[in-house]
ModelCIF file with pLDDT and N, C-alpha, C, O atoms, coordinates in Angstrom:
data_MODEL
#
_entry.id   MODEL 
#
_entity.id                         1 
_entity.type                       polymer 
_entity.pdbx_number_of_molecules   1 
#
_entity_poly.entity_id                      1 
_entity_poly.type                           'polypeptide(L)' 
_entity_poly.nstd_linkage                   no 
_entity_poly.nstd_monomer                   no 
_entity_poly.pdbx_seq_one_letter_code       
;(UNK)(UNK)(UNK)(UNK)(UNK)(UNK)(UNK)(UNK)(UNK)(UNK)(UNK)(UNK)(UNK)(UNK)(UNK)(UNK)
(UNK)(UNK)(UNK)(UNK)(UNK)(UNK)(UNK)(UNK)(UNK)(UNK)(UNK)(UNK)(UNK)(UNK)(UNK)(UNK)
(UNK)(UNK)(UNK)(UNK)
;
_entity_poly.pdbx_seq_one_letter_code_can   XXXXXXXXXXXXXXXXXXXXXXXXXXXXXXXXXXXX 
_entity_poly.pdbx_strand_id                 A 
#
loop_
_entity_poly_seq.entity_id 
_entity_poly_seq.num 
_entity_poly_seq.mon_id 
_entity_poly_seq.hetero 
1 1  UNK n 
1 2  UNK n 
1 3  UNK n 
1 4  UNK n 
1 5  UNK n 
1 6  UNK n 
1 7  UNK n 
1 8  UNK n 
1 9  UNK n 
1 10 UNK n 
1 11 UNK n 
1 12 UNK n 
1 13 UNK n 
1 14 UNK n 
1 15 UNK n 
1 16 UNK n 
1 17 UNK n 
1 18 UNK n 
1 19 UNK n 
1 20 UNK n 
1 21 UNK n 
1 22 UNK n 
1 23 UNK n 
1 24 UNK n 
1 25 UNK n 
1 26 UNK n 
1 27 UNK n 
1 28 UNK n 
1 29 UNK n 
1 30 UNK n 
1 31 UNK n 
1 32 UNK n 
1 33 UNK n 
1 34 UNK n 
1 35 UNK n 
1 36 UNK n 
#
_struct_asym.id          A 
_struct_asym.entity_id   1 
#
loop_
_ma_qa_metric.id 
_ma_qa_metric.mode 
_ma_qa_metric.name 
_ma_qa_metric.software_group_id 
_ma_qa_metric.type 
1 global pLDDT . pLDDT 
2 local  pLDDT . pLDDT 
#
_ma_qa_metric_global.metric_id      1 
_ma_qa_metric_global.metric_value   96.42 
_ma_qa_metric_global.model_id       1 
_ma_qa_metric_global.ordinal_id     1 
#
loop_
_ma_qa_metric_local.label_asym_id 
_ma_qa_metric_local.label_comp_id 
_ma_qa_metric_local.label_seq_id 
_ma_qa_metric_local.metric_id 
_ma_qa_metric_local.metric_value 
_ma_qa_metric_local.model_id 
_ma_qa_metric_local.ordinal_id 
A UNK 1  2 97.00 1 1  
A UNK 2  2 97.00 1 2  
A UNK 3  2 96.00 1 3  
A UNK 4  2 95.00 1 4  
A UNK 5  2 92.00 1 5  
A UNK 6  2 94.00 1 6  
A UNK 7  2 95.00 1 7  
A UNK 8  2 92.00 1 8  
A UNK 9  2 92.00 1 9  
A UNK 10 2 92.00 1 10 
A UNK 11 2 93.00 1 11 
A UNK 12 2 95.00 1 12 
A UNK 13 2 97.00 1 13 
A UNK 14 2 97.00 1 14 
A UNK 15 2 98.00 1 15 
A UNK 16 2 97.00 1 16 
A UNK 17 2 98.00 1 17 
A UNK 18 2 98.00 1 18 
A UNK 19 2 98.00 1 19 
A UNK 20 2 98.00 1 20 
A UNK 21 2 98.00 1 21 
A UNK 22 2 98.00 1 22 
A UNK 23 2 98.00 1 23 
A UNK 24 2 97.00 1 24 
A UNK 25 2 97.00 1 25 
A UNK 26 2 97.00 1 26 
A UNK 27 2 98.00 1 27 
A UNK 28 2 98.00 1 28 
A UNK 29 2 98.00 1 29 
A UNK 30 2 98.00 1 30 
A UNK 31 2 98.00 1 31 
A UNK 32 2 97.00 1 32 
A UNK 33 2 98.00 1 33 
A UNK 34 2 97.00 1 34 
A UNK 35 2 97.00 1 35 
A UNK 36 2 96.00 1 36 
#
loop_
_atom_site.group_PDB 
_atom_site.id 
_atom_site.type_symbol 
_atom_site.label_atom_id 
_atom_site.label_alt_id 
_atom_site.label_comp_id 
_atom_site.label_asym_id 
_atom_site.label_entity_id 
_atom_site.label_seq_id 
_atom_site.pdbx_PDB_ins_code 
_atom_site.Cartn_x 
_atom_site.Cartn_y 
_atom_site.Cartn_z 
_atom_site.occupancy 
_atom_site.B_iso_or_equiv 
_atom_site.pdbx_formal_charge 
_atom_site.auth_seq_id 
_atom_site.auth_comp_id 
_atom_site.auth_asym_id 
_atom_site.auth_atom_id 
_atom_site.pdbx_PDB_model_num 
ATOM 1   N N  . UNK A 1 1  ? -22.525 -34.217 -34.239 1.00 97.00 ? 1  UNK A N  1 
ATOM 2   C CA . UNK A 1 1  ? -22.417 -33.245 -34.872 1.00 97.00 ? 1  UNK A CA 1 
ATOM 3   C C  . UNK A 1 1  ? -22.068 -32.100 -34.087 1.00 97.00 ? 1  UNK A C  1 
ATOM 4   O O  . UNK A 1 1  ? -22.628 -31.833 -33.024 1.00 97.00 ? 1  UNK A O  1 
ATOM 5   N N  . UNK A 1 2  ? -20.907 -31.242 -34.731 1.00 97.00 ? 2  UNK A N  1 
ATOM 6   C CA . UNK A 1 2  ? -20.355 -29.872 -33.847 1.00 97.00 ? 2  UNK A CA 1 
ATOM 7   C C  . UNK A 1 2  ? -21.551 -28.786 -34.145 1.00 97.00 ? 2  UNK A C  1 
ATOM 8   O O  . UNK A 1 2  ? -21.996 -28.719 -35.291 1.00 97.00 ? 2  UNK A O  1 
ATOM 9   N N  . UNK A 1 3  ? -21.995 -28.060 -33.262 1.00 96.00 ? 3  UNK A N  1 
ATOM 10  C CA . UNK A 1 3  ? -23.185 -27.167 -33.285 1.00 96.00 ? 3  UNK A CA 1 
ATOM 11  C C  . UNK A 1 3  ? -22.280 -25.809 -33.541 1.00 96.00 ? 3  UNK A C  1 
ATOM 12  O O  . UNK A 1 3  ? -21.613 -25.527 -32.545 1.00 96.00 ? 3  UNK A O  1 
ATOM 13  N N  . UNK A 1 4  ? -22.139 -25.066 -34.455 1.00 95.00 ? 4  UNK A N  1 
ATOM 14  C CA . UNK A 1 4  ? -21.667 -23.778 -34.825 1.00 95.00 ? 4  UNK A CA 1 
ATOM 15  C C  . UNK A 1 4  ? -22.298 -22.823 -33.778 1.00 95.00 ? 4  UNK A C  1 
ATOM 16  O O  . UNK A 1 4  ? -21.573 -22.249 -32.965 1.00 95.00 ? 4  UNK A O  1 
ATOM 17  N N  . UNK A 1 5  ? -23.473 -22.670 -33.788 1.00 92.00 ? 5  UNK A N  1 
ATOM 18  C CA . UNK A 1 5  ? -24.198 -21.650 -32.982 1.00 92.00 ? 5  UNK A CA 1 
ATOM 19  C C  . UNK A 1 5  ? -23.900 -21.833 -31.521 1.00 92.00 ? 5  UNK A C  1 
ATOM 20  O O  . UNK A 1 5  ? -24.204 -20.858 -30.833 1.00 92.00 ? 5  UNK A O  1 
ATOM 21  N N  . UNK A 1 6  ? -23.343 -22.922 -30.848 1.00 94.00 ? 6  UNK A N  1 
ATOM 22  C CA . UNK A 1 6  ? -22.787 -22.716 -29.483 1.00 94.00 ? 6  UNK A CA 1 
ATOM 23  C C  . UNK A 1 6  ? -21.588 -22.232 -29.633 1.00 94.00 ? 6  UNK A C  1 
ATOM 24  O O  . UNK A 1 6  ? -21.149 -21.864 -28.544 1.00 94.00 ? 6  UNK A O  1 
ATOM 25  N N  . UNK A 1 7  ? -20.657 -22.019 -30.735 1.00 95.00 ? 7  UNK A N  1 
ATOM 26  C CA . UNK A 1 7  ? -19.238 -21.488 -30.705 1.00 95.00 ? 7  UNK A CA 1 
ATOM 27  C C  . UNK A 1 7  ? -19.894 -19.990 -30.974 1.00 95.00 ? 7  UNK A C  1 
ATOM 28  O O  . UNK A 1 7  ? -19.433 -19.098 -30.262 1.00 95.00 ? 7  UNK A O  1 
ATOM 29  N N  . UNK A 1 8  ? -20.765 -19.675 -31.781 1.00 92.00 ? 8  UNK A N  1 
ATOM 30  C CA . UNK A 1 8  ? -20.827 -18.147 -31.958 1.00 92.00 ? 8  UNK A CA 1 
ATOM 31  C C  . UNK A 1 8  ? -21.851 -17.651 -31.072 1.00 92.00 ? 8  UNK A C  1 
ATOM 32  O O  . UNK A 1 8  ? -21.833 -16.423 -30.995 1.00 92.00 ? 8  UNK A O  1 
ATOM 33  N N  . UNK A 1 9  ? -22.754 -18.228 -30.367 1.00 92.00 ? 9  UNK A N  1 
ATOM 34  C CA . UNK A 1 9  ? -23.389 -17.379 -29.334 1.00 92.00 ? 9  UNK A CA 1 
ATOM 35  C C  . UNK A 1 9  ? -23.227 -17.764 -28.014 1.00 92.00 ? 9  UNK A C  1 
ATOM 36  O O  . UNK A 1 9  ? -23.727 -17.042 -27.151 1.00 92.00 ? 9  UNK A O  1 
ATOM 37  N N  . UNK A 1 10 ? -22.569 -18.854 -27.660 1.00 92.00 ? 10 UNK A N  1 
ATOM 38  C CA . UNK A 1 10 ? -22.264 -19.259 -26.200 1.00 92.00 ? 10 UNK A CA 1 
ATOM 39  C C  . UNK A 1 10 ? -20.691 -19.171 -25.853 1.00 92.00 ? 10 UNK A C  1 
ATOM 40  O O  . UNK A 1 10 ? -20.238 -19.401 -24.732 1.00 92.00 ? 10 UNK A O  1 
ATOM 41  N N  . UNK A 1 11 ? -19.975 -18.829 -26.906 1.00 93.00 ? 11 UNK A N  1 
ATOM 42  C CA . UNK A 1 11 ? -18.414 -18.776 -26.766 1.00 93.00 ? 11 UNK A CA 1 
ATOM 43  C C  . UNK A 1 11 ? -17.833 -19.787 -26.426 1.00 93.00 ? 11 UNK A C  1 
ATOM 44  O O  . UNK A 1 11 ? -16.744 -19.671 -25.862 1.00 93.00 ? 11 UNK A O  1 
ATOM 45  N N  . UNK A 1 12 ? -18.386 -21.057 -26.667 1.00 95.00 ? 12 UNK A N  1 
ATOM 46  C CA . UNK A 1 12 ? -17.682 -22.479 -26.549 1.00 95.00 ? 12 UNK A CA 1 
ATOM 47  C C  . UNK A 1 12 ? -16.567 -22.758 -27.776 1.00 95.00 ? 12 UNK A C  1 
ATOM 48  O O  . UNK A 1 12 ? -16.745 -22.299 -28.905 1.00 95.00 ? 12 UNK A O  1 
ATOM 49  N N  . UNK A 1 13 ? -15.525 -23.477 -27.456 1.00 97.00 ? 13 UNK A N  1 
ATOM 50  C CA . UNK A 1 13 ? -14.431 -23.882 -28.227 1.00 97.00 ? 13 UNK A CA 1 
ATOM 51  C C  . UNK A 1 13 ? -14.723 -25.063 -28.800 1.00 97.00 ? 13 UNK A C  1 
ATOM 52  O O  . UNK A 1 13 ? -15.405 -25.922 -28.241 1.00 97.00 ? 13 UNK A O  1 
ATOM 53  N N  . UNK A 1 14 ? -14.214 -25.177 -29.975 1.00 97.00 ? 14 UNK A N  1 
ATOM 54  C CA . UNK A 1 14 ? -14.444 -26.794 -30.552 1.00 97.00 ? 14 UNK A CA 1 
ATOM 55  C C  . UNK A 1 14 ? -13.768 -27.913 -29.634 1.00 97.00 ? 14 UNK A C  1 
ATOM 56  O O  . UNK A 1 14 ? -14.202 -29.065 -29.625 1.00 97.00 ? 14 UNK A O  1 
ATOM 57  N N  . UNK A 1 15 ? -12.728 -27.521 -28.897 1.00 98.00 ? 15 UNK A N  1 
ATOM 58  C CA . UNK A 1 15 ? -12.347 -28.650 -27.987 1.00 98.00 ? 15 UNK A CA 1 
ATOM 59  C C  . UNK A 1 15 ? -13.058 -28.953 -26.991 1.00 98.00 ? 15 UNK A C  1 
ATOM 60  O O  . UNK A 1 15 ? -13.165 -30.129 -26.644 1.00 98.00 ? 15 UNK A O  1 
ATOM 61  N N  . UNK A 1 16 ? -13.701 -27.910 -26.319 1.00 97.00 ? 16 UNK A N  1 
ATOM 62  C CA . UNK A 1 16 ? -14.711 -27.888 -25.371 1.00 97.00 ? 16 UNK A CA 1 
ATOM 63  C C  . UNK A 1 16 ? -16.063 -28.789 -25.749 1.00 97.00 ? 16 UNK A C  1 
ATOM 64  O O  . UNK A 1 16 ? -16.625 -29.588 -25.000 1.00 97.00 ? 16 UNK A O  1 
ATOM 65  N N  . UNK A 1 17 ? -16.335 -28.533 -26.757 1.00 98.00 ? 17 UNK A N  1 
ATOM 66  C CA . UNK A 1 17 ? -17.623 -29.217 -27.189 1.00 98.00 ? 17 UNK A CA 1 
ATOM 67  C C  . UNK A 1 17 ? -17.442 -30.589 -27.626 1.00 98.00 ? 17 UNK A C  1 
ATOM 68  O O  . UNK A 1 17 ? -18.144 -31.544 -27.290 1.00 98.00 ? 17 UNK A O  1 
ATOM 69  N N  . UNK A 1 18 ? -16.301 -30.609 -28.512 1.00 98.00 ? 18 UNK A N  1 
ATOM 70  C CA . UNK A 1 18 ? -16.104 -32.174 -28.690 1.00 98.00 ? 18 UNK A CA 1 
ATOM 71  C C  . UNK A 1 18 ? -15.838 -33.084 -27.618 1.00 98.00 ? 18 UNK A C  1 
ATOM 72  O O  . UNK A 1 18 ? -16.286 -34.228 -27.539 1.00 98.00 ? 18 UNK A O  1 
ATOM 73  N N  . UNK A 1 19 ? -14.857 -32.344 -26.552 1.00 98.00 ? 19 UNK A N  1 
ATOM 74  C CA . UNK A 1 19 ? -14.640 -33.557 -25.164 1.00 98.00 ? 19 UNK A CA 1 
ATOM 75  C C  . UNK A 1 19 ? -15.787 -33.631 -24.712 1.00 98.00 ? 19 UNK A C  1 
ATOM 76  O O  . UNK A 1 19 ? -16.257 -34.768 -24.714 1.00 98.00 ? 19 UNK A O  1 
ATOM 77  N N  . UNK A 1 20 ? -16.664 -32.519 -24.171 1.00 98.00 ? 20 UNK A N  1 
ATOM 78  C CA . UNK A 1 20 ? -18.119 -32.911 -23.803 1.00 98.00 ? 20 UNK A CA 1 
ATOM 79  C C  . UNK A 1 20 ? -18.852 -34.101 -24.523 1.00 98.00 ? 20 UNK A C  1 
ATOM 80  O O  . UNK A 1 20 ? -19.366 -35.059 -23.946 1.00 98.00 ? 20 UNK A O  1 
ATOM 81  N N  . UNK A 1 21 ? -18.821 -33.918 -25.659 1.00 98.00 ? 21 UNK A N  1 
ATOM 82  C CA . UNK A 1 21 ? -19.564 -34.819 -26.704 1.00 98.00 ? 21 UNK A CA 1 
ATOM 83  C C  . UNK A 1 21 ? -18.937 -36.429 -26.291 1.00 98.00 ? 21 UNK A C  1 
ATOM 84  O O  . UNK A 1 21 ? -19.645 -37.399 -26.020 1.00 98.00 ? 21 UNK A O  1 
ATOM 85  N N  . UNK A 1 22 ? -17.747 -36.411 -26.319 1.00 98.00 ? 22 UNK A N  1 
ATOM 86  C CA . UNK A 1 22 ? -17.303 -37.992 -26.107 1.00 98.00 ? 22 UNK A CA 1 
ATOM 87  C C  . UNK A 1 22 ? -17.595 -38.230 -24.790 1.00 98.00 ? 22 UNK A C  1 
ATOM 88  O O  . UNK A 1 22 ? -18.010 -39.358 -24.524 1.00 98.00 ? 22 UNK A O  1 
ATOM 89  N N  . UNK A 1 23 ? -17.456 -37.293 -23.746 1.00 98.00 ? 23 UNK A N  1 
ATOM 90  C CA . UNK A 1 23 ? -17.918 -37.652 -22.416 1.00 98.00 ? 23 UNK A CA 1 
ATOM 91  C C  . UNK A 1 23 ? -19.585 -38.396 -22.383 1.00 98.00 ? 23 UNK A C  1 
ATOM 92  O O  . UNK A 1 23 ? -19.911 -39.506 -21.963 1.00 98.00 ? 23 UNK A O  1 
ATOM 93  N N  . UNK A 1 24 ? -20.424 -37.322 -22.988 1.00 97.00 ? 24 UNK A N  1 
ATOM 94  C CA . UNK A 1 24 ? -21.701 -37.746 -22.858 1.00 97.00 ? 24 UNK A CA 1 
ATOM 95  C C  . UNK A 1 24 ? -22.032 -38.846 -23.590 1.00 97.00 ? 24 UNK A C  1 
ATOM 96  O O  . UNK A 1 24 ? -22.980 -39.535 -23.212 1.00 97.00 ? 24 UNK A O  1 
ATOM 97  N N  . UNK A 1 25 ? -21.277 -39.202 -24.797 1.00 97.00 ? 25 UNK A N  1 
ATOM 98  C CA . UNK A 1 25 ? -21.630 -40.460 -25.483 1.00 97.00 ? 25 UNK A CA 1 
ATOM 99  C C  . UNK A 1 25 ? -20.847 -41.615 -24.931 1.00 97.00 ? 25 UNK A C  1 
ATOM 100 O O  . UNK A 1 25 ? -21.039 -42.769 -25.314 1.00 97.00 ? 25 UNK A O  1 
ATOM 101 N N  . UNK A 1 26 ? -19.846 -41.236 -23.907 1.00 97.00 ? 26 UNK A N  1 
ATOM 102 C CA . UNK A 1 26 ? -19.349 -42.392 -23.359 1.00 97.00 ? 26 UNK A CA 1 
ATOM 103 C C  . UNK A 1 26 ? -18.338 -43.305 -24.353 1.00 97.00 ? 26 UNK A C  1 
ATOM 104 O O  . UNK A 1 26 ? -18.272 -44.533 -24.298 1.00 97.00 ? 26 UNK A O  1 
ATOM 105 N N  . UNK A 1 27 ? -17.575 -42.465 -25.260 1.00 98.00 ? 27 UNK A N  1 
ATOM 106 C CA . UNK A 1 27 ? -16.937 -43.226 -25.962 1.00 98.00 ? 27 UNK A CA 1 
ATOM 107 C C  . UNK A 1 27 ? -15.412 -42.592 -26.200 1.00 98.00 ? 27 UNK A C  1 
ATOM 108 O O  . UNK A 1 27 ? -15.209 -41.555 -25.568 1.00 98.00 ? 27 UNK A O  1 
ATOM 109 N N  . UNK A 1 28 ? -14.373 -43.049 -26.982 1.00 98.00 ? 28 UNK A N  1 
ATOM 110 C CA . UNK A 1 28 ? -13.320 -42.854 -27.194 1.00 98.00 ? 28 UNK A CA 1 
ATOM 111 C C  . UNK A 1 28 ? -13.013 -42.099 -28.629 1.00 98.00 ? 28 UNK A C  1 
ATOM 112 O O  . UNK A 1 28 ? -12.028 -41.446 -28.973 1.00 98.00 ? 28 UNK A O  1 
ATOM 113 N N  . UNK A 1 29 ? -14.051 -42.385 -29.237 1.00 98.00 ? 29 UNK A N  1 
ATOM 114 C CA . UNK A 1 29 ? -13.972 -41.805 -30.893 1.00 98.00 ? 29 UNK A CA 1 
ATOM 115 C C  . UNK A 1 29 ? -15.464 -41.721 -31.381 1.00 98.00 ? 29 UNK A C  1 
ATOM 116 O O  . UNK A 1 29 ? -16.453 -42.135 -30.775 1.00 98.00 ? 29 UNK A O  1 
ATOM 117 N N  . UNK A 1 30 ? -15.422 -41.150 -32.501 1.00 98.00 ? 30 UNK A N  1 
ATOM 118 C CA . UNK A 1 30 ? -16.596 -41.050 -33.175 1.00 98.00 ? 30 UNK A CA 1 
ATOM 119 C C  . UNK A 1 30 ? -16.485 -41.634 -34.459 1.00 98.00 ? 30 UNK A C  1 
ATOM 120 O O  . UNK A 1 30 ? -15.505 -41.230 -35.085 1.00 98.00 ? 30 UNK A O  1 
ATOM 121 N N  . UNK A 1 31 ? -17.169 -42.434 -35.019 1.00 98.00 ? 31 UNK A N  1 
ATOM 122 C CA . UNK A 1 31 ? -17.208 -42.952 -36.334 1.00 98.00 ? 31 UNK A CA 1 
ATOM 123 C C  . UNK A 1 31 ? -17.481 -42.009 -37.538 1.00 98.00 ? 31 UNK A C  1 
ATOM 124 O O  . UNK A 1 31 ? -16.987 -42.096 -38.662 1.00 98.00 ? 31 UNK A O  1 
ATOM 125 N N  . UNK A 1 32 ? -18.452 -41.003 -37.032 1.00 97.00 ? 32 UNK A N  1 
ATOM 126 C CA . UNK A 1 32 ? -18.764 -40.315 -38.090 1.00 97.00 ? 32 UNK A CA 1 
ATOM 127 C C  . UNK A 1 32 ? -19.108 -38.744 -37.219 1.00 97.00 ? 32 UNK A C  1 
ATOM 128 O O  . UNK A 1 32 ? -20.010 -38.609 -36.393 1.00 97.00 ? 32 UNK A O  1 
ATOM 129 N N  . UNK A 1 33 ? -18.379 -37.927 -37.547 1.00 98.00 ? 33 UNK A N  1 
ATOM 130 C CA . UNK A 1 33 ? -18.535 -36.509 -36.799 1.00 98.00 ? 33 UNK A CA 1 
ATOM 131 C C  . UNK A 1 33 ? -18.695 -35.317 -37.960 1.00 98.00 ? 33 UNK A C  1 
ATOM 132 O O  . UNK A 1 33 ? -17.922 -35.240 -38.916 1.00 98.00 ? 33 UNK A O  1 
ATOM 133 N N  . UNK A 1 34 ? -19.607 -34.565 -37.781 1.00 97.00 ? 34 UNK A N  1 
ATOM 134 C CA . UNK A 1 34 ? -20.060 -33.686 -38.720 1.00 97.00 ? 34 UNK A CA 1 
ATOM 135 C C  . UNK A 1 34 ? -20.272 -32.136 -38.256 1.00 97.00 ? 34 UNK A C  1 
ATOM 136 O O  . UNK A 1 34 ? -20.788 -31.823 -37.182 1.00 97.00 ? 34 UNK A O  1 
ATOM 137 N N  . UNK A 1 35 ? -19.840 -31.306 -39.139 1.00 97.00 ? 35 UNK A N  1 
ATOM 138 C CA . UNK A 1 35 ? -20.143 -30.039 -38.957 1.00 97.00 ? 35 UNK A CA 1 
ATOM 139 C C  . UNK A 1 35 ? -21.604 -29.620 -38.974 1.00 97.00 ? 35 UNK A C  1 
ATOM 140 O O  . UNK A 1 35 ? -22.147 -29.793 -40.065 1.00 97.00 ? 35 UNK A O  1 
ATOM 141 N N  . UNK A 1 36 ? -22.289 -29.157 -38.103 1.00 96.00 ? 36 UNK A N  1 
ATOM 142 C CA . UNK A 1 36 ? -23.709 -29.266 -38.143 1.00 96.00 ? 36 UNK A CA 1 
ATOM 143 C C  . UNK A 1 36 ? -24.497 -28.238 -38.910 1.00 96.00 ? 36 UNK A C  1 
ATOM 144 O O  . UNK A 1 36 ? -25.725 -28.311 -38.959 1.00 96.00 ? 36 UNK A O  1 
#
């Protein structure tokens, strides 16, 4: 899931968060990705 509070409070971008999640999960794609 994409955390909106990390965008609002921490100034992170959607791309930064998404790419970080791909790396942490060690995958090339997500089967389900939710606005959290």
